[in-house]
């Protein structure tokens, strides 16, 4: 089983760029909150960016550890490796989900505050 490393690296770079944009979004919200007399919710996108960095680390770990191991695995070792790779992939997906939910919560609260 071969992992297409170039596409996986492209995905990782895309997540890093998205992380940067979510981090900048959190800083923009931080600067806008004093205009409406509120504070505190800018931390949600920043924590979301941290979760995205964690998911990128998990992704690169999965590419380089499991990609190499699956390429040279014996047939008897293949099933446990695939199960572990799927578990690591699930942790990456949950981390991206938490990042998205945190950013959505912060955005929703900010939107509710500015539309009142």
PDB file of N, CA and C in Angstrom:
ATOM      1  N   UNK A   1       0.853  -1.172   0.000  1.00  0.00           N
ATOM      2  CA  UNK A   1       0.000   0.000   0.000  1.00  0.00           C
ATOM      3  C   UNK A   1       0.897   1.233   0.000  1.00  0.00           C
ATOM      4  N   UNK A   2       0.639   2.123  -0.928  1.00  0.00           N
ATOM      5  CA  UNK A   2       1.437   3.339  -1.046  1.00  0.00           C
ATOM      6  C   UNK A   2       0.595   4.555  -0.670  1.00  0.00           C
ATOM      7  N   UNK A   3       1.217   5.478   0.005  1.00  0.00           N
ATOM      8  CA  UNK A   3       0.591   6.747   0.343  1.00  0.00           C
ATOM      9  C   UNK A   3       1.135   7.784  -0.627  1.00  0.00           C
ATOM     10  N   UNK A   4       0.238   8.544  -1.252  1.00  0.00           N
ATOM     11  CA  UNK A   4       0.664   9.587  -2.172  1.00  0.00           C
ATOM     12  C   UNK A   4       1.120  10.785  -1.343  1.00  0.00           C
ATOM     13  N   UNK A   5       2.414  10.863  -1.114  1.00  0.00           N
ATOM     14  CA  UNK A   5       2.977  11.839  -0.183  1.00  0.00           C
ATOM     15  C   UNK A   5       2.781  13.266  -0.683  1.00  0.00           C
ATOM     16  N   UNK A   6       2.860  13.488  -1.977  1.00  0.00           N
ATOM     17  CA  UNK A   6       2.736  14.860  -2.476  1.00  0.00           C
ATOM     18  C   UNK A   6       1.344  15.432  -2.194  1.00  0.00           C
ATOM     19  N   UNK A   7       0.301  14.629  -2.366  1.00  0.00           N
ATOM     20  CA  UNK A   7      -1.051  15.106  -2.058  1.00  0.00           C
ATOM     21  C   UNK A   7      -1.265  15.277  -0.557  1.00  0.00           C
ATOM     22  N   UNK A   8      -0.693  14.392   0.211  1.00  0.00           N
ATOM     23  CA  UNK A   8      -0.808  14.495   1.664  1.00  0.00           C
ATOM     24  C   UNK A   8      -0.077  15.737   2.180  1.00  0.00           C
ATOM     25  N   UNK A   9       1.075  16.036   1.617  1.00  0.00           N
ATOM     26  CA  UNK A   9       1.795  17.251   1.998  1.00  0.00           C
ATOM     27  C   UNK A   9       1.030  18.501   1.577  1.00  0.00           C
ATOM     28  N   UNK A  10       0.395  18.455   0.412  1.00  0.00           N
ATOM     29  CA  UNK A  10      -0.421  19.579  -0.036  1.00  0.00           C
ATOM     30  C   UNK A  10      -1.579  19.817   0.925  1.00  0.00           C
ATOM     31  N   UNK A  11      -2.206  18.733   1.401  1.00  0.00           N
ATOM     32  CA  UNK A  11      -3.276  18.855   2.391  1.00  0.00           C
ATOM     33  C   UNK A  11      -2.743  19.467   3.688  1.00  0.00           C
ATOM     34  N   UNK A  12      -1.565  19.013   4.124  1.00  0.00           N
ATOM     35  CA  UNK A  12      -0.966  19.551   5.342  1.00  0.00           C
ATOM     36  C   UNK A  12      -0.646  21.026   5.223  1.00  0.00           C
ATOM     37  N   UNK A  13      -0.130  21.440   4.079  1.00  0.00           N
ATOM     38  CA  UNK A  13       0.167  22.862   3.860  1.00  0.00           C
ATOM     39  C   UNK A  13      -1.130  23.668   3.826  1.00  0.00           C
ATOM     40  N   UNK A  14      -2.178  23.102   3.227  1.00  0.00           N
ATOM     41  CA  UNK A  14      -3.482  23.779   3.212  1.00  0.00           C
ATOM     42  C   UNK A  14      -4.033  23.972   4.612  1.00  0.00           C
ATOM     43  N   UNK A  15      -3.896  22.975   5.458  1.00  0.00           N
ATOM     44  CA  UNK A  15      -4.357  23.101   6.847  1.00  0.00           C
ATOM     45  C   UNK A  15      -3.535  24.151   7.587  1.00  0.00           C
ATOM     46  N   UNK A  16      -2.222  24.197   7.322  1.00  0.00           N
ATOM     47  CA  UNK A  16      -1.393  25.230   7.956  1.00  0.00           C
ATOM     48  C   UNK A  16      -1.796  26.632   7.510  1.00  0.00           C
ATOM     49  N   UNK A  17      -2.114  26.806   6.228  1.00  0.00           N
ATOM     50  CA  UNK A  17      -2.589  28.106   5.757  1.00  0.00           C
ATOM     51  C   UNK A  17      -3.932  28.466   6.384  1.00  0.00           C
ATOM     52  N   UNK A  18      -4.808  27.481   6.518  1.00  0.00           N
ATOM     53  CA  UNK A  18      -6.090  27.706   7.180  1.00  0.00           C
ATOM     54  C   UNK A  18      -5.883  28.057   8.651  1.00  0.00           C
ATOM     55  N   UNK A  19      -4.914  27.416   9.295  1.00  0.00           N
ATOM     56  CA  UNK A  19      -4.579  27.726  10.685  1.00  0.00           C
ATOM     57  C   UNK A  19      -4.151  29.177  10.813  1.00  0.00           C
ATOM     58  N   UNK A  20      -3.321  29.620   9.896  1.00  0.00           N
ATOM     59  CA  UNK A  20      -2.859  31.008   9.907  1.00  0.00           C
ATOM     60  C   UNK A  20      -4.038  31.970   9.746  1.00  0.00           C
ATOM     61  N   UNK A  21      -4.963  31.663   8.858  1.00  0.00           N
ATOM     62  CA  UNK A  21      -6.104  32.555   8.659  1.00  0.00           C
ATOM     63  C   UNK A  21      -7.032  32.575   9.875  1.00  0.00           C
ATOM     64  N   UNK A  22      -7.226  31.439  10.533  1.00  0.00           N
ATOM     65  CA  UNK A  22      -8.063  31.408  11.741  1.00  0.00           C
ATOM     66  C   UNK A  22      -7.389  32.188  12.864  1.00  0.00           C
ATOM     67  N   UNK A  23      -6.065  32.087  12.965  1.00  0.00           N
ATOM     68  CA  UNK A  23      -5.327  32.836  13.974  1.00  0.00           C
ATOM     69  C   UNK A  23      -5.450  34.344  13.727  1.00  0.00           C
ATOM     70  N   UNK A  24      -5.301  34.765  12.487  1.00  0.00           N
ATOM     71  CA  UNK A  24      -5.458  36.185  12.140  1.00  0.00           C
ATOM     72  C   UNK A  24      -6.891  36.639  12.410  1.00  0.00           C
ATOM     73  N   UNK A  25      -7.860  35.785  12.119  1.00  0.00           N
ATOM     74  CA  UNK A  25      -9.255  36.105  12.411  1.00  0.00           C
ATOM     75  C   UNK A  25      -9.452  36.355  13.908  1.00  0.00           C
ATOM     76  N   UNK A  26      -8.847  35.518  14.744  1.00  0.00           N
ATOM     77  CA  UNK A  26      -8.940  35.726  16.190  1.00  0.00           C
ATOM     78  C   UNK A  26      -8.328  37.046  16.628  1.00  0.00           C
ATOM     79  N   UNK A  27      -7.207  37.424  16.021  1.00  0.00           N
ATOM     80  CA  UNK A  27      -6.588  38.710  16.357  1.00  0.00           C
ATOM     81  C   UNK A  27      -7.438  39.891  15.890  1.00  0.00           C
ATOM     82  N   UNK A  28      -8.089  39.749  14.750  1.00  0.00           N
ATOM     83  CA  UNK A  28      -8.977  40.811  14.263  1.00  0.00           C
ATOM     84  C   UNK A  28     -10.165  40.976  15.201  1.00  0.00           C
ATOM     85  N   UNK A  29     -10.752  39.857  15.618  1.00  0.00           N
ATOM     86  CA  UNK A  29     -11.868  39.920  16.568  1.00  0.00           C
ATOM     87  C   UNK A  29     -11.417  40.569  17.874  1.00  0.00           C
ATOM     88  N   UNK A  30     -10.206  40.268  18.302  1.00  0.00           N
ATOM     89  CA  UNK A  30      -9.677  40.866  19.536  1.00  0.00           C
ATOM     90  C   UNK A  30      -9.606  42.387  19.417  1.00  0.00           C
ATOM     91  N   UNK A  31      -9.227  42.871  18.245  1.00  0.00           N
ATOM     92  CA  UNK A  31      -9.143  44.320  18.056  1.00  0.00           C
ATOM     93  C   UNK A  31     -10.511  44.969  17.888  1.00  0.00           C
ATOM     94  N   UNK A  32     -11.492  44.219  17.396  1.00  0.00           N
ATOM     95  CA  UNK A  32     -12.824  44.790  17.184  1.00  0.00           C
ATOM     96  C   UNK A  32     -13.699  44.779  18.434  1.00  0.00           C
ATOM     97  N   UNK A  33     -13.431  43.879  19.364  1.00  0.00           N
ATOM     98  CA  UNK A  33     -14.286  43.759  20.544  1.00  0.00           C
ATOM     99  C   UNK A  33     -14.349  45.022  21.396  1.00  0.00           C
ATOM    100  N   UNK A  34     -13.261  45.781  21.588  1.00  0.00           N
ATOM    101  CA  UNK A  34     -13.404  47.012  22.377  1.00  0.00           C
ATOM    102  C   UNK A  34     -14.349  48.043  21.743  1.00  0.00           C
ATOM    103  N   UNK A  35     -14.557  47.966  20.442  1.00  0.00           N
ATOM    104  CA  UNK A  35     -15.472  48.898  19.784  1.00  0.00           C
ATOM    105  C   UNK A  35     -16.917  48.683  20.206  1.00  0.00           C
ATOM    106  N   UNK A  36     -17.260  47.442  20.566  1.00  0.00           N
ATOM    107  CA  UNK A  36     -18.628  47.169  21.011  1.00  0.00           C
ATOM    108  C   UNK A  36     -18.704  46.987  22.521  1.00  0.00           C
ATOM    109  N   UNK A  37     -17.596  47.184  23.207  1.00  0.00           N
ATOM    110  CA  UNK A  37     -17.581  47.104  24.657  1.00  0.00           C
ATOM    111  C   UNK A  37     -17.608  45.694  25.208  1.00  0.00           C
ATOM    112  N   UNK A  38     -17.149  44.747  24.469  1.00  0.00           N
ATOM    113  CA  UNK A  38     -17.114  43.350  24.911  1.00  0.00           C
ATOM    114  C   UNK A  38     -15.682  42.838  24.868  1.00  0.00           C
ATOM    115  N   UNK A  39     -15.477  41.677  25.478  1.00  0.00           N
ATOM    116  CA  UNK A  39     -14.152  41.069  25.424  1.00  0.00           C
ATOM    117  C   UNK A  39     -14.261  39.575  25.681  1.00  0.00           C
ATOM    118  N   UNK A  40     -13.195  38.855  25.349  1.00  0.00           N
ATOM    119  CA  UNK A  40     -13.082  37.472  25.755  1.00  0.00           C
ATOM    120  C   UNK A  40     -13.322  36.409  24.706  1.00  0.00           C
ATOM    121  N   UNK A  41     -14.154  36.662  23.691  1.00  0.00           N
ATOM    122  CA  UNK A  41     -14.461  35.573  22.769  1.00  0.00           C
ATOM    123  C   UNK A  41     -13.401  35.391  21.694  1.00  0.00           C
ATOM    124  N   UNK A  42     -12.453  36.284  21.601  1.00  0.00           N
ATOM    125  CA  UNK A  42     -11.394  36.138  20.598  1.00  0.00           C
ATOM    126  C   UNK A  42     -10.547  34.898  20.869  1.00  0.00           C
ATOM    127  N   UNK A  43     -10.622  34.381  22.085  1.00  0.00           N
ATOM    128  CA  UNK A  43      -9.814  33.222  22.448  1.00  0.00           C
ATOM    129  C   UNK A  43     -10.317  31.941  21.762  1.00  0.00           C
ATOM    130  N   UNK A  44     -11.596  31.897  21.400  1.00  0.00           N
ATOM    131  CA  UNK A  44     -12.132  30.703  20.725  1.00  0.00           C
ATOM    132  C   UNK A  44     -11.421  30.414  19.401  1.00  0.00           C
ATOM    133  N   UNK A  45     -11.284  31.392  18.487  1.00  0.00           N
ATOM    134  CA  UNK A  45     -10.547  31.080  17.255  1.00  0.00           C
ATOM    135  C   UNK A  45      -9.065  30.791  17.497  1.00  0.00           C
ATOM    136  N   UNK A  46      -8.473  31.405  18.508  1.00  0.00           N
ATOM    137  CA  UNK A  46      -7.066  31.150  18.798  1.00  0.00           C
ATOM    138  C   UNK A  46      -6.882  29.708  19.273  1.00  0.00           C
ATOM    139  N   UNK A  47      -7.765  29.240  20.139  1.00  0.00           N
ATOM    140  CA  UNK A  47      -7.702  27.848  20.583  1.00  0.00           C
ATOM    141  C   UNK A  47      -7.997  26.914  19.406  1.00  0.00           C
ATOM    142  N   UNK A  48      -8.916  27.338  18.526  1.00  0.00           N
ATOM    143  CA  UNK A  48      -9.184  26.561  17.321  1.00  0.00           C
ATOM    144  C   UNK A  48      -7.947  26.438  16.444  1.00  0.00           C
ATOM    145  N   UNK A  49      -7.167  27.516  16.346  1.00  0.00           N
ATOM    146  CA  UNK A  49      -5.930  27.474  15.569  1.00  0.00           C
ATOM    147  C   UNK A  49      -4.928  26.509  16.206  1.00  0.00           C
ATOM    148  N   UNK A  50      -4.906  26.465  17.520  1.00  0.00           N
ATOM    149  CA  UNK A  50      -4.013  25.521  18.202  1.00  0.00           C
ATOM    150  C   UNK A  50      -4.435  24.085  17.888  1.00  0.00           C
ATOM    151  N   UNK A  51      -5.743  23.826  17.891  1.00  0.00           N
ATOM    152  CA  UNK A  51      -6.215  22.494  17.527  1.00  0.00           C
ATOM    153  C   UNK A  51      -5.876  22.156  16.075  1.00  0.00           C
ATOM    154  N   UNK A  52      -5.907  23.141  15.188  1.00  0.00           N
ATOM    155  CA  UNK A  52      -5.533  22.889  13.804  1.00  0.00           C
ATOM    156  C   UNK A  52      -4.043  22.575  13.676  1.00  0.00           C
ATOM    157  N   UNK A  53      -3.214  23.229  14.480  1.00  0.00           N
ATOM    158  CA  UNK A  53      -1.787  22.906  14.471  1.00  0.00           C
ATOM    159  C   UNK A  53      -1.574  21.473  14.963  1.00  0.00           C
ATOM    160  N   UNK A  54      -2.317  21.089  15.996  1.00  0.00           N
ATOM    161  CA  UNK A  54      -2.226  19.714  16.502  1.00  0.00           C
ATOM    162  C   UNK A  54      -2.654  18.725  15.417  1.00  0.00           C
ATOM    163  N   UNK A  55      -3.731  19.043  14.715  1.00  0.00           N
ATOM    164  CA  UNK A  55      -4.188  18.128  13.661  1.00  0.00           C
ATOM    165  C   UNK A  55      -3.183  18.041  12.525  1.00  0.00           C
ATOM    166  N   UNK A  56      -2.485  19.127  12.227  1.00  0.00           N
ATOM    167  CA  UNK A  56      -1.447  19.080  11.201  1.00  0.00           C
ATOM    168  C   UNK A  56      -0.289  18.204  11.650  1.00  0.00           C
ATOM    169  N   UNK A  57       0.085  18.304  12.911  1.00  0.00           N
ATOM    170  CA  UNK A  57       1.127  17.436  13.446  1.00  0.00           C
ATOM    171  C   UNK A  57       0.724  15.973  13.375  1.00  0.00           C
ATOM    172  N   UNK A  58      -0.516  15.686  13.727  1.00  0.00           N
ATOM    173  CA  UNK A  58      -1.021  14.313  13.640  1.00  0.00           C
ATOM    174  C   UNK A  58      -0.996  13.839  12.189  1.00  0.00           C
ATOM    175  N   UNK A  59      -1.371  14.723  11.270  1.00  0.00           N
ATOM    176  CA  UNK A  59      -1.394  14.365   9.857  1.00  0.00           C
ATOM    177  C   UNK A  59       0.006  14.011   9.350  1.00  0.00           C
ATOM    178  N   UNK A  60       0.992  14.856   9.671  1.00  0.00           N
ATOM    179  CA  UNK A  60       2.352  14.573   9.229  1.00  0.00           C
ATOM    180  C   UNK A  60       2.901  13.304   9.884  1.00  0.00           C
ATOM    181  N   UNK A  61       2.545  13.061  11.141  1.00  0.00           N
ATOM    182  CA  UNK A  61       2.941  11.818  11.803  1.00  0.00           C
ATOM    183  C   UNK A  61       2.368  10.618  11.060  1.00  0.00           C
ATOM    184  N   UNK A  62       1.091  10.707  10.706  1.00  0.00           N
ATOM    185  CA  UNK A  62       0.438   9.609   9.994  1.00  0.00           C
ATOM    186  C   UNK A  62       1.082   9.371   8.632  1.00  0.00           C
ATOM    187  N   UNK A  63       1.411  10.443   7.938  1.00  0.00           N
ATOM    188  CA  UNK A  63       2.030  10.294   6.612  1.00  0.00           C
ATOM    189  C   UNK A  63       3.369   9.579   6.730  1.00  0.00           C
ATOM    190  N   UNK A  64       4.234  10.102   7.574  1.00  0.00           N
ATOM    191  CA  UNK A  64       5.607   9.614   7.580  1.00  0.00           C
ATOM    192  C   UNK A  64       5.784   8.317   8.359  1.00  0.00           C
ATOM    193  N   UNK A  65       5.007   8.100   9.413  1.00  0.00           N
ATOM    194  CA  UNK A  65       5.153   6.850  10.158  1.00  0.00           C
ATOM    195  C   UNK A  65       4.401   5.715   9.475  1.00  0.00           C
ATOM    196  N   UNK A  66       3.112   5.905   9.282  1.00  0.00           N
ATOM    197  CA  UNK A  66       2.313   4.821   8.729  1.00  0.00           C
ATOM    198  C   UNK A  66       2.512   4.657   7.228  1.00  0.00           C
ATOM    199  N   UNK A  67       2.806   5.730   6.508  1.00  0.00           N
ATOM    200  CA  UNK A  67       3.058   5.607   5.081  1.00  0.00           C
ATOM    201  C   UNK A  67       4.257   4.723   4.791  1.00  0.00           C
ATOM    202  N   UNK A  68       5.345   4.940   5.513  1.00  0.00           N
ATOM    203  CA  UNK A  68       6.527   4.103   5.343  1.00  0.00           C
ATOM    204  C   UNK A  68       6.322   2.693   5.847  1.00  0.00           C
ATOM    205  N   UNK A  69       5.613   2.559   6.956  1.00  0.00           N
ATOM    206  CA  UNK A  69       5.392   1.226   7.534  1.00  0.00           C
ATOM    207  C   UNK A  69       4.470   0.387   6.654  1.00  0.00           C
ATOM    208  N   UNK A  70       3.471   1.005   6.052  1.00  0.00           N
ATOM    209  CA  UNK A  70       2.563   0.250   5.191  1.00  0.00           C
ATOM    210  C   UNK A  70       3.233  -0.180   3.886  1.00  0.00           C
ATOM    211  N   UNK A  71       4.203   0.607   3.435  1.00  0.00           N
ATOM    212  CA  UNK A  71       4.872   0.271   2.179  1.00  0.00           C
ATOM    213  C   UNK A  71       5.723  -0.990   2.303  1.00  0.00           C
ATOM    214  N   UNK A  72       6.248  -1.262   3.502  1.00  0.00           N
ATOM    215  CA  UNK A  72       7.145  -2.408   3.671  1.00  0.00           C
ATOM    216  C   UNK A  72       6.573  -3.485   4.596  1.00  0.00           C
ATOM    217  N   UNK A  73       5.292  -3.394   4.909  1.00  0.00           N
ATOM    218  CA  UNK A  73       4.689  -4.314   5.879  1.00  0.00           C
ATOM    219  C   UNK A  73       4.467  -5.690   5.275  1.00  0.00           C
ATOM    220  N   UNK A  74       4.593  -6.680   6.144  1.00  0.00           N
ATOM    221  CA  UNK A  74       4.220  -8.045   5.776  1.00  0.00           C
ATOM    222  C   UNK A  74       2.703  -8.137   5.771  1.00  0.00           C
ATOM    223  N   UNK A  75       2.150  -9.079   5.029  1.00  0.00           N
ATOM    224  CA  UNK A  75       0.690  -9.214   5.028  1.00  0.00           C
ATOM    225  C   UNK A  75       0.097  -9.468   6.417  1.00  0.00           C
ATOM    226  N   UNK A  76       0.839 -10.119   7.290  1.00  0.00           N
ATOM    227  CA  UNK A  76       0.307 -10.378   8.634  1.00  0.00           C
ATOM    228  C   UNK A  76       0.293  -9.115   9.498  1.00  0.00           C
ATOM    229  N   UNK A  77       1.141  -8.147   9.181  1.00  0.00           N
ATOM    230  CA  UNK A  77       1.197  -6.891   9.933  1.00  0.00           C
ATOM    231  C   UNK A  77       0.308  -5.814   9.333  1.00  0.00           C
ATOM    232  N   UNK A  78      -0.263  -6.066   8.180  1.00  0.00           N
ATOM    233  CA  UNK A  78      -0.993  -5.035   7.460  1.00  0.00           C
ATOM    234  C   UNK A  78      -2.271  -4.602   8.179  1.00  0.00           C
ATOM    235  N   UNK A  79      -3.053  -5.559   8.667  1.00  0.00           N
ATOM    236  CA  UNK A  79      -4.332  -5.226   9.301  1.00  0.00           C
ATOM    237  C   UNK A  79      -4.154  -4.374  10.562  1.00  0.00           C
ATOM    238  N   UNK A  80      -3.249  -4.722  11.501  1.00  0.00           N
ATOM    239  CA  UNK A  80      -3.069  -3.848  12.667  1.00  0.00           C
ATOM    240  C   UNK A  80      -2.556  -2.453  12.290  1.00  0.00           C
ATOM    241  N   UNK A  81      -1.701  -2.386  11.285  1.00  0.00           N
ATOM    242  CA  UNK A  81      -1.217  -1.070  10.855  1.00  0.00           C
ATOM    243  C   UNK A  81      -2.342  -0.221  10.286  1.00  0.00           C
ATOM    244  N   UNK A  82      -3.200  -0.826   9.505  1.00  0.00           N
ATOM    245  CA  UNK A  82      -4.326  -0.083   8.933  1.00  0.00           C
ATOM    246  C   UNK A  82      -5.278   0.370  10.032  1.00  0.00           C
ATOM    247  N   UNK A  83      -5.539  -0.495  11.013  1.00  0.00           N
ATOM    248  CA  UNK A  83      -6.410  -0.100  12.130  1.00  0.00           C
ATOM    249  C   UNK A  83      -5.819   1.063  12.915  1.00  0.00           C
ATOM    250  N   UNK A  84      -4.530   1.010  13.195  1.00  0.00           N
ATOM    251  CA  UNK A  84      -3.884   2.102  13.923  1.00  0.00           C
ATOM    252  C   UNK A  84      -3.873   3.379  13.099  1.00  0.00           C
ATOM    253  N   UNK A  85      -3.649   3.247  11.790  1.00  0.00           N
ATOM    254  CA  UNK A  85      -3.665   4.429  10.937  1.00  0.00           C
ATOM    255  C   UNK A  85      -5.060   5.060  10.916  1.00  0.00           C
ATOM    256  N   UNK A  86      -6.094   4.240  10.884  1.00  0.00           N
ATOM    257  CA  UNK A  86      -7.455   4.772  10.914  1.00  0.00           C
ATOM    258  C   UNK A  86      -7.767   5.444  12.247  1.00  0.00           C
ATOM    259  N   UNK A  87      -7.236   4.898  13.343  1.00  0.00           N
ATOM    260  CA  UNK A  87      -7.433   5.531  14.649  1.00  0.00           C
ATOM    261  C   UNK A  87      -6.751   6.896  14.684  1.00  0.00           C
ATOM    262  N   UNK A  88      -5.529   6.980  14.174  1.00  0.00           N
ATOM    263  CA  UNK A  88      -4.807   8.254  14.129  1.00  0.00           C
ATOM    264  C   UNK A  88      -5.538   9.227  13.211  1.00  0.00           C
ATOM    265  N   UNK A  89      -6.070   8.721  12.106  1.00  0.00           N
ATOM    266  CA  UNK A  89      -6.832   9.568  11.192  1.00  0.00           C
ATOM    267  C   UNK A  89      -8.094  10.101  11.870  1.00  0.00           C
ATOM    268  N   UNK A  90      -8.720   9.288  12.710  1.00  0.00           N
ATOM    269  CA  UNK A  90      -9.898   9.745  13.460  1.00  0.00           C
ATOM    270  C   UNK A  90      -9.529  10.848  14.446  1.00  0.00           C
ATOM    271  N   UNK A  91      -8.380  10.712  15.103  1.00  0.00           N
ATOM    272  CA  UNK A  91      -7.934  11.761  16.030  1.00  0.00           C
ATOM    273  C   UNK A  91      -7.679  13.072  15.276  1.00  0.00           C
ATOM    274  N   UNK A  92      -7.137  12.971  14.078  1.00  0.00           N
ATOM    275  CA  UNK A  92      -6.927  14.165  13.251  1.00  0.00           C
ATOM    276  C   UNK A  92      -8.264  14.811  12.892  1.00  0.00           C
ATOM    277  N   UNK A  93      -9.235  14.002  12.505  1.00  0.00           N
ATOM    278  CA  UNK A  93     -10.545  14.528  12.138  1.00  0.00           C
ATOM    279  C   UNK A  93     -11.256  15.149  13.338  1.00  0.00           C
ATOM    280  N   UNK A  94     -11.153  14.521  14.510  1.00  0.00           N
ATOM    281  CA  UNK A  94     -11.765  15.103  15.712  1.00  0.00           C
ATOM    282  C   UNK A  94     -11.113  16.430  16.085  1.00  0.00           C
ATOM    283  N   UNK A  95      -9.819  16.528  15.897  1.00  0.00           N
ATOM    284  CA  UNK A  95      -9.123  17.776  16.194  1.00  0.00           C
ATOM    285  C   UNK A  95      -9.582  18.891  15.255  1.00  0.00           C
ATOM    286  N   UNK A  96      -9.766  18.570  13.984  1.00  0.00           N
ATOM    287  CA  UNK A  96     -10.273  19.566  13.032  1.00  0.00           C
ATOM    288  C   UNK A  96     -11.709  19.938  13.377  1.00  0.00           C
ATOM    289  N   UNK A  97     -12.500  18.969  13.804  1.00  0.00           N
ATOM    290  CA  UNK A  97     -13.884  19.236  14.205  1.00  0.00           C
ATOM    291  C   UNK A  97     -13.938  20.175  15.406  1.00  0.00           C
ATOM    292  N   UNK A  98     -13.117  19.933  16.407  1.00  0.00           N
ATOM    293  CA  UNK A  98     -13.094  20.800  17.596  1.00  0.00           C
ATOM    294  C   UNK A  98     -12.670  22.211  17.204  1.00  0.00           C
ATOM    295  N   UNK A  99     -11.676  22.326  16.325  1.00  0.00           N
ATOM    296  CA  UNK A  99     -11.239  23.645  15.866  1.00  0.00           C
ATOM    297  C   UNK A  99     -12.372  24.375  15.154  1.00  0.00           C
ATOM    298  N   UNK A 100     -13.098  23.663  14.306  1.00  0.00           N
ATOM    299  CA  UNK A 100     -14.211  24.281  13.594  1.00  0.00           C
ATOM    300  C   UNK A 100     -15.324  24.706  14.545  1.00  0.00           C
ATOM    301  N   UNK A 101     -15.635  23.859  15.519  1.00  0.00           N
ATOM    302  CA  UNK A 101     -16.695  24.193  16.473  1.00  0.00           C
ATOM    303  C   UNK A 101     -16.321  25.396  17.332  1.00  0.00           C
ATOM    304  N   UNK A 102     -15.069  25.450  17.778  1.00  0.00           N
ATOM    305  CA  UNK A 102     -14.639  26.594  18.584  1.00  0.00           C
ATOM    306  C   UNK A 102     -14.710  27.891  17.783  1.00  0.00           C
ATOM    307  N   UNK A 103     -14.268  27.850  16.545  1.00  0.00           N
ATOM    308  CA  UNK A 103     -14.321  29.047  15.708  1.00  0.00           C
ATOM    309  C   UNK A 103     -15.762  29.433  15.422  1.00  0.00           C
ATOM    310  N   UNK A 104     -16.612  28.448  15.194  1.00  0.00           N
ATOM    311  CA  UNK A 104     -18.029  28.730  14.952  1.00  0.00           C
ATOM    312  C   UNK A 104     -18.701  29.326  16.180  1.00  0.00           C
ATOM    313  N   UNK A 105     -18.380  28.816  17.352  1.00  0.00           N
ATOM    314  CA  UNK A 105     -18.951  29.362  18.586  1.00  0.00           C
ATOM    315  C   UNK A 105     -18.543  30.817  18.763  1.00  0.00           C
ATOM    316  N   UNK A 106     -17.254  31.105  18.584  1.00  0.00           N
ATOM    317  CA  UNK A 106     -16.788  32.490  18.699  1.00  0.00           C
ATOM    318  C   UNK A 106     -17.427  33.399  17.677  1.00  0.00           C
ATOM    319  N   UNK A 107     -17.556  32.936  16.449  1.00  0.00           N
ATOM    320  CA  UNK A 107     -18.161  33.748  15.388  1.00  0.00           C
ATOM    321  C   UNK A 107     -19.643  33.998  15.654  1.00  0.00           C
ATOM    322  N   UNK A 108     -20.330  32.979  16.138  1.00  0.00           N
ATOM    323  CA  UNK A 108     -21.758  33.122  16.417  1.00  0.00           C
ATOM    324  C   UNK A 108     -21.999  34.101  17.558  1.00  0.00           C
ATOM    325  N   UNK A 109     -21.212  33.996  18.598  1.00  0.00           N
ATOM    326  CA  UNK A 109     -21.363  34.930  19.721  1.00  0.00           C
ATOM    327  C   UNK A 109     -21.074  36.356  19.265  1.00  0.00           C
ATOM    328  N   UNK A 110     -19.999  36.536  18.508  1.00  0.00           N
ATOM    329  CA  UNK A 110     -19.665  37.874  18.011  1.00  0.00           C
ATOM    330  C   UNK A 110     -20.779  38.404  17.113  1.00  0.00           C
ATOM    331  N   UNK A 111     -21.314  37.580  16.248  1.00  0.00           N
ATOM    332  CA  UNK A 111     -22.396  38.019  15.362  1.00  0.00           C
ATOM    333  C   UNK A 111     -23.626  38.431  16.166  1.00  0.00           C
ATOM    334  N   UNK A 112     -23.953  37.648  17.203  1.00  0.00           N
ATOM    335  CA  UNK A 112     -25.108  37.989  18.040  1.00  0.00           C
ATOM    336  C   UNK A 112     -24.900  39.314  18.761  1.00  0.00           C
ATOM    337  N   UNK A 113     -23.651  39.565  19.214  1.00  0.00           N
ATOM    338  CA  UNK A 113     -23.359  40.815  19.909  1.00  0.00           C
ATOM    339  C   UNK A 113     -23.472  42.022  18.980  1.00  0.00           C
ATOM    340  N   UNK A 114     -23.033  41.888  17.757  1.00  0.00           N
ATOM    341  CA  UNK A 114     -23.027  43.075  16.882  1.00  0.00           C
ATOM    342  C   UNK A 114     -24.366  43.307  16.207  1.00  0.00           C
ATOM    343  N   UNK A 115     -25.267  42.335  16.255  1.00  0.00           N
ATOM    344  CA  UNK A 115     -26.566  42.546  15.605  1.00  0.00           C
ATOM    345  C   UNK A 115     -27.639  43.001  16.580  1.00  0.00           C
ATOM    346  N   UNK A 116     -27.291  43.174  17.833  1.00  0.00           N
ATOM    347  CA  UNK A 116     -28.282  43.655  18.814  1.00  0.00           C
ATOM    348  C   UNK A 116     -28.374  45.152  18.789  1.00  0.00           C
TER     349      UNK A 116
END
